[in-house]
């Protein structure tokens, strides 16, 4: 997805992991993905730059789709589509 698509995307669940250090945002994403149905999207808000790589790697490894991220007001908004 491109940045414009992500900016207008409404996630089915938003996880606010700002203020937590690695691996906090990843652990929150792992817990949160179970709260949405297959085909739905979670958004993880994080100000830990390591989350950019961590969430992408994790999503691919476990069979979900990492849609991308955008920067917003001092934090990242990272999006993952539940695939299974």
N, C-alpha and C. Protein backbone atom coordinates (compact mmCIF):
# COMPACT_ATOMS: atom_id res chain seq x y z
N UNK A 1 0.85 -1.18 0.00
CA UNK A 1 0.00 0.00 0.00
C UNK A 1 0.89 1.24 0.00
N UNK A 2 0.39 2.28 -0.60
CA UNK A 2 1.18 3.51 -0.58
C UNK A 2 0.80 4.35 0.65
N UNK A 3 1.54 5.38 0.88
CA UNK A 3 1.36 6.21 2.07
C UNK A 3 -0.04 6.82 2.14
N UNK A 4 -0.56 7.25 1.00
CA UNK A 4 -1.90 7.84 0.98
C UNK A 4 -2.96 6.81 1.40
N UNK A 5 -2.85 5.60 0.89
CA UNK A 5 -3.79 4.54 1.27
C UNK A 5 -3.71 4.27 2.77
N UNK A 6 -2.51 4.19 3.30
CA UNK A 6 -2.35 3.92 4.73
C UNK A 6 -2.91 5.06 5.58
N UNK A 7 -2.73 6.28 5.12
CA UNK A 7 -3.20 7.44 5.88
C UNK A 7 -4.72 7.46 5.99
N UNK A 8 -5.40 6.88 5.02
CA UNK A 8 -6.86 6.88 5.04
C UNK A 8 -7.44 5.55 5.54
N UNK A 9 -6.58 4.59 5.81
CA UNK A 9 -7.02 3.27 6.27
C UNK A 9 -7.54 3.35 7.70
N UNK A 10 -8.70 2.75 7.93
CA UNK A 10 -9.24 2.67 9.28
C UNK A 10 -9.01 1.24 9.77
N UNK A 11 -8.16 1.09 10.77
CA UNK A 11 -7.84 -0.23 11.30
C UNK A 11 -9.02 -0.76 12.11
N UNK A 12 -9.12 -2.07 12.16
CA UNK A 12 -10.17 -2.71 12.94
C UNK A 12 -9.81 -2.72 14.43
N UNK A 13 -8.52 -2.65 14.72
CA UNK A 13 -8.05 -2.56 16.11
C UNK A 13 -6.80 -1.70 16.12
N UNK A 14 -6.75 -0.74 17.04
CA UNK A 14 -5.58 0.12 17.19
C UNK A 14 -4.91 -0.23 18.51
N UNK A 15 -3.61 -0.48 18.43
CA UNK A 15 -2.81 -0.82 19.60
C UNK A 15 -1.84 0.32 19.84
N UNK A 16 -1.97 0.96 20.98
CA UNK A 16 -1.10 2.08 21.30
C UNK A 16 0.05 1.57 22.17
N UNK A 17 1.19 1.36 21.53
CA UNK A 17 2.38 0.86 22.22
C UNK A 17 3.43 1.95 22.37
N UNK A 18 3.00 3.20 22.22
CA UNK A 18 3.96 4.30 22.39
C UNK A 18 4.47 4.31 23.82
N UNK A 19 5.75 4.58 23.97
CA UNK A 19 6.35 4.64 25.30
C UNK A 19 6.90 3.30 25.76
N UNK A 20 6.70 2.24 24.98
CA UNK A 20 7.27 0.95 25.34
C UNK A 20 8.48 0.67 24.46
N UNK A 21 9.49 0.07 25.06
CA UNK A 21 10.71 -0.26 24.32
C UNK A 21 10.61 -1.68 23.77
N UNK A 22 11.46 -1.98 22.84
CA UNK A 22 11.53 -3.30 22.25
C UNK A 22 11.70 -4.35 23.36
N UNK A 23 10.97 -5.41 23.36
CA UNK A 23 10.05 -5.91 22.35
C UNK A 23 8.59 -5.58 22.62
N UNK A 24 8.30 -4.57 23.43
CA UNK A 24 6.94 -4.22 23.82
C UNK A 24 5.95 -4.09 22.67
N UNK A 25 6.25 -3.26 21.66
CA UNK A 25 5.29 -3.11 20.56
C UNK A 25 5.03 -4.43 19.82
N UNK A 26 6.05 -5.24 19.65
CA UNK A 26 5.87 -6.52 18.99
C UNK A 26 4.99 -7.45 19.82
N UNK A 27 5.22 -7.50 21.11
CA UNK A 27 4.41 -8.34 21.99
C UNK A 27 2.96 -7.88 21.98
N UNK A 28 2.74 -6.58 21.97
CA UNK A 28 1.37 -6.05 21.91
C UNK A 28 0.70 -6.41 20.59
N UNK A 29 1.47 -6.38 19.50
CA UNK A 29 0.93 -6.76 18.19
C UNK A 29 0.54 -8.24 18.18
N UNK A 30 1.38 -9.07 18.76
CA UNK A 30 1.09 -10.51 18.82
C UNK A 30 -0.19 -10.77 19.59
N UNK A 31 -0.39 -10.05 20.68
CA UNK A 31 -1.63 -10.21 21.45
C UNK A 31 -2.82 -9.65 20.68
N UNK A 32 -2.62 -8.51 20.05
CA UNK A 32 -3.72 -7.81 19.37
C UNK A 32 -4.22 -8.48 18.11
N UNK A 33 -3.35 -9.20 17.41
CA UNK A 33 -3.77 -9.82 16.15
C UNK A 33 -4.86 -10.86 16.40
N UNK A 34 -4.86 -11.46 17.57
CA UNK A 34 -5.88 -12.45 17.91
C UNK A 34 -7.25 -11.84 18.17
N UNK A 35 -7.29 -10.53 18.33
CA UNK A 35 -8.56 -9.84 18.62
C UNK A 35 -9.31 -9.43 17.36
N UNK A 36 -8.70 -9.65 16.19
CA UNK A 36 -9.37 -9.32 14.94
C UNK A 36 -9.56 -10.58 14.11
N UNK A 37 -10.51 -10.52 13.20
CA UNK A 37 -10.81 -11.66 12.33
C UNK A 37 -9.86 -11.68 11.14
N UNK A 38 -9.75 -12.84 10.51
CA UNK A 38 -8.98 -12.95 9.27
C UNK A 38 -9.54 -11.93 8.27
N UNK A 39 -8.63 -11.18 7.63
CA UNK A 39 -9.03 -10.15 6.68
C UNK A 39 -9.13 -8.77 7.29
N UNK A 40 -8.98 -8.68 8.62
CA UNK A 40 -9.03 -7.38 9.28
C UNK A 40 -7.61 -6.88 9.55
N UNK A 41 -7.52 -5.60 9.89
CA UNK A 41 -6.23 -4.92 10.03
C UNK A 41 -6.05 -4.41 11.45
N UNK A 42 -4.81 -4.59 11.96
CA UNK A 42 -4.44 -3.93 13.21
C UNK A 42 -3.47 -2.80 12.87
N UNK A 43 -3.53 -1.76 13.67
CA UNK A 43 -2.59 -0.64 13.58
C UNK A 43 -1.85 -0.60 14.90
N UNK A 44 -0.52 -0.55 14.83
CA UNK A 44 0.29 -0.44 16.03
C UNK A 44 0.96 0.93 16.02
N UNK A 45 0.69 1.70 17.07
CA UNK A 45 1.35 2.99 17.22
C UNK A 45 2.58 2.77 18.09
N UNK A 46 3.74 3.18 17.59
CA UNK A 46 4.99 2.94 18.32
C UNK A 46 5.97 4.07 18.07
N UNK A 47 6.71 4.42 19.10
CA UNK A 47 7.80 5.38 18.91
C UNK A 47 9.16 4.69 19.08
N UNK A 48 9.16 3.36 19.04
CA UNK A 48 10.39 2.57 19.05
C UNK A 48 10.73 2.23 17.60
N UNK A 49 11.80 2.79 17.09
CA UNK A 49 12.15 2.63 15.67
C UNK A 49 12.40 1.17 15.30
N UNK A 50 12.76 0.33 16.26
CA UNK A 50 12.97 -1.09 15.98
C UNK A 50 11.70 -1.79 15.56
N UNK A 51 10.55 -1.21 15.89
CA UNK A 51 9.27 -1.82 15.53
C UNK A 51 9.09 -1.89 14.02
N UNK A 52 9.71 -0.99 13.31
CA UNK A 52 9.58 -0.98 11.84
C UNK A 52 10.02 -2.33 11.27
N UNK A 53 11.17 -2.78 11.71
CA UNK A 53 11.69 -4.06 11.22
C UNK A 53 11.01 -5.23 11.91
N UNK A 54 10.82 -5.12 13.22
CA UNK A 54 10.25 -6.23 14.00
C UNK A 54 8.87 -6.64 13.49
N UNK A 55 7.98 -5.69 13.29
CA UNK A 55 6.63 -6.03 12.87
C UNK A 55 6.60 -6.60 11.46
N UNK A 56 7.39 -6.06 10.58
CA UNK A 56 7.45 -6.56 9.21
C UNK A 56 7.95 -8.00 9.20
N UNK A 57 9.03 -8.27 9.92
CA UNK A 57 9.61 -9.61 9.98
C UNK A 57 8.64 -10.60 10.61
N UNK A 58 8.03 -10.22 11.73
CA UNK A 58 7.09 -11.09 12.42
C UNK A 58 5.89 -11.42 11.54
N UNK A 59 5.29 -10.40 10.92
CA UNK A 59 4.09 -10.62 10.10
C UNK A 59 4.38 -11.61 8.98
N UNK A 60 5.48 -11.43 8.30
CA UNK A 60 5.86 -12.32 7.21
C UNK A 60 6.12 -13.73 7.72
N UNK A 61 6.81 -13.82 8.82
CA UNK A 61 7.19 -15.12 9.39
C UNK A 61 5.97 -15.96 9.78
N UNK A 62 4.94 -15.32 10.33
CA UNK A 62 3.78 -16.08 10.82
C UNK A 62 2.62 -16.12 9.82
N UNK A 63 2.78 -15.51 8.65
CA UNK A 63 1.78 -15.64 7.61
C UNK A 63 0.77 -14.52 7.50
N UNK A 64 1.05 -13.38 8.11
CA UNK A 64 0.19 -12.21 7.95
C UNK A 64 0.83 -11.30 6.90
N UNK A 65 0.15 -10.22 6.56
CA UNK A 65 0.68 -9.30 5.57
C UNK A 65 0.98 -7.95 6.22
N UNK A 66 2.25 -7.56 6.17
CA UNK A 66 2.65 -6.24 6.65
C UNK A 66 2.31 -5.25 5.56
N UNK A 67 1.42 -4.31 5.85
CA UNK A 67 0.96 -3.36 4.84
C UNK A 67 1.87 -2.15 4.71
N UNK A 68 2.62 -1.84 5.78
CA UNK A 68 3.52 -0.70 5.74
C UNK A 68 3.33 0.20 6.95
N UNK A 69 4.00 1.34 6.90
CA UNK A 69 3.93 2.28 8.01
C UNK A 69 3.98 3.71 7.50
N UNK A 70 3.46 4.59 8.32
CA UNK A 70 3.57 6.02 8.06
C UNK A 70 3.97 6.70 9.36
N UNK A 71 4.63 7.82 9.25
CA UNK A 71 5.03 8.59 10.42
C UNK A 71 3.94 9.60 10.75
N UNK A 72 3.68 9.77 12.06
CA UNK A 72 2.64 10.70 12.49
C UNK A 72 2.96 11.26 13.86
N UNK A 73 3.15 12.56 13.96
CA UNK A 73 3.30 13.25 15.24
C UNK A 73 4.24 12.56 16.23
N UNK A 74 5.45 12.24 15.80
CA UNK A 74 6.45 11.68 16.70
C UNK A 74 6.36 10.19 16.94
N UNK A 75 5.52 9.50 16.18
CA UNK A 75 5.46 8.05 16.31
C UNK A 75 5.16 7.44 14.93
N UNK A 76 5.30 6.13 14.86
CA UNK A 76 4.98 5.41 13.63
C UNK A 76 3.62 4.74 13.77
N UNK A 77 2.93 4.66 12.66
CA UNK A 77 1.68 3.90 12.57
C UNK A 77 1.97 2.73 11.64
N UNK A 78 1.97 1.52 12.20
CA UNK A 78 2.32 0.32 11.44
C UNK A 78 1.07 -0.55 11.28
N UNK A 79 0.89 -1.09 10.08
CA UNK A 79 -0.35 -1.80 9.75
C UNK A 79 -0.07 -3.24 9.36
N UNK A 80 -0.85 -4.16 9.92
CA UNK A 80 -0.73 -5.58 9.62
C UNK A 80 -2.12 -6.14 9.32
N UNK A 81 -2.22 -6.88 8.21
CA UNK A 81 -3.45 -7.54 7.80
C UNK A 81 -3.40 -8.98 8.27
N UNK A 82 -4.40 -9.40 9.03
CA UNK A 82 -4.45 -10.78 9.51
C UNK A 82 -4.84 -11.69 8.35
N UNK A 83 -4.00 -12.66 8.07
CA UNK A 83 -4.22 -13.56 6.94
C UNK A 83 -4.65 -14.97 7.34
N UNK A 84 -4.45 -15.32 8.60
CA UNK A 84 -4.84 -16.69 9.02
C UNK A 84 -5.31 -16.70 10.45
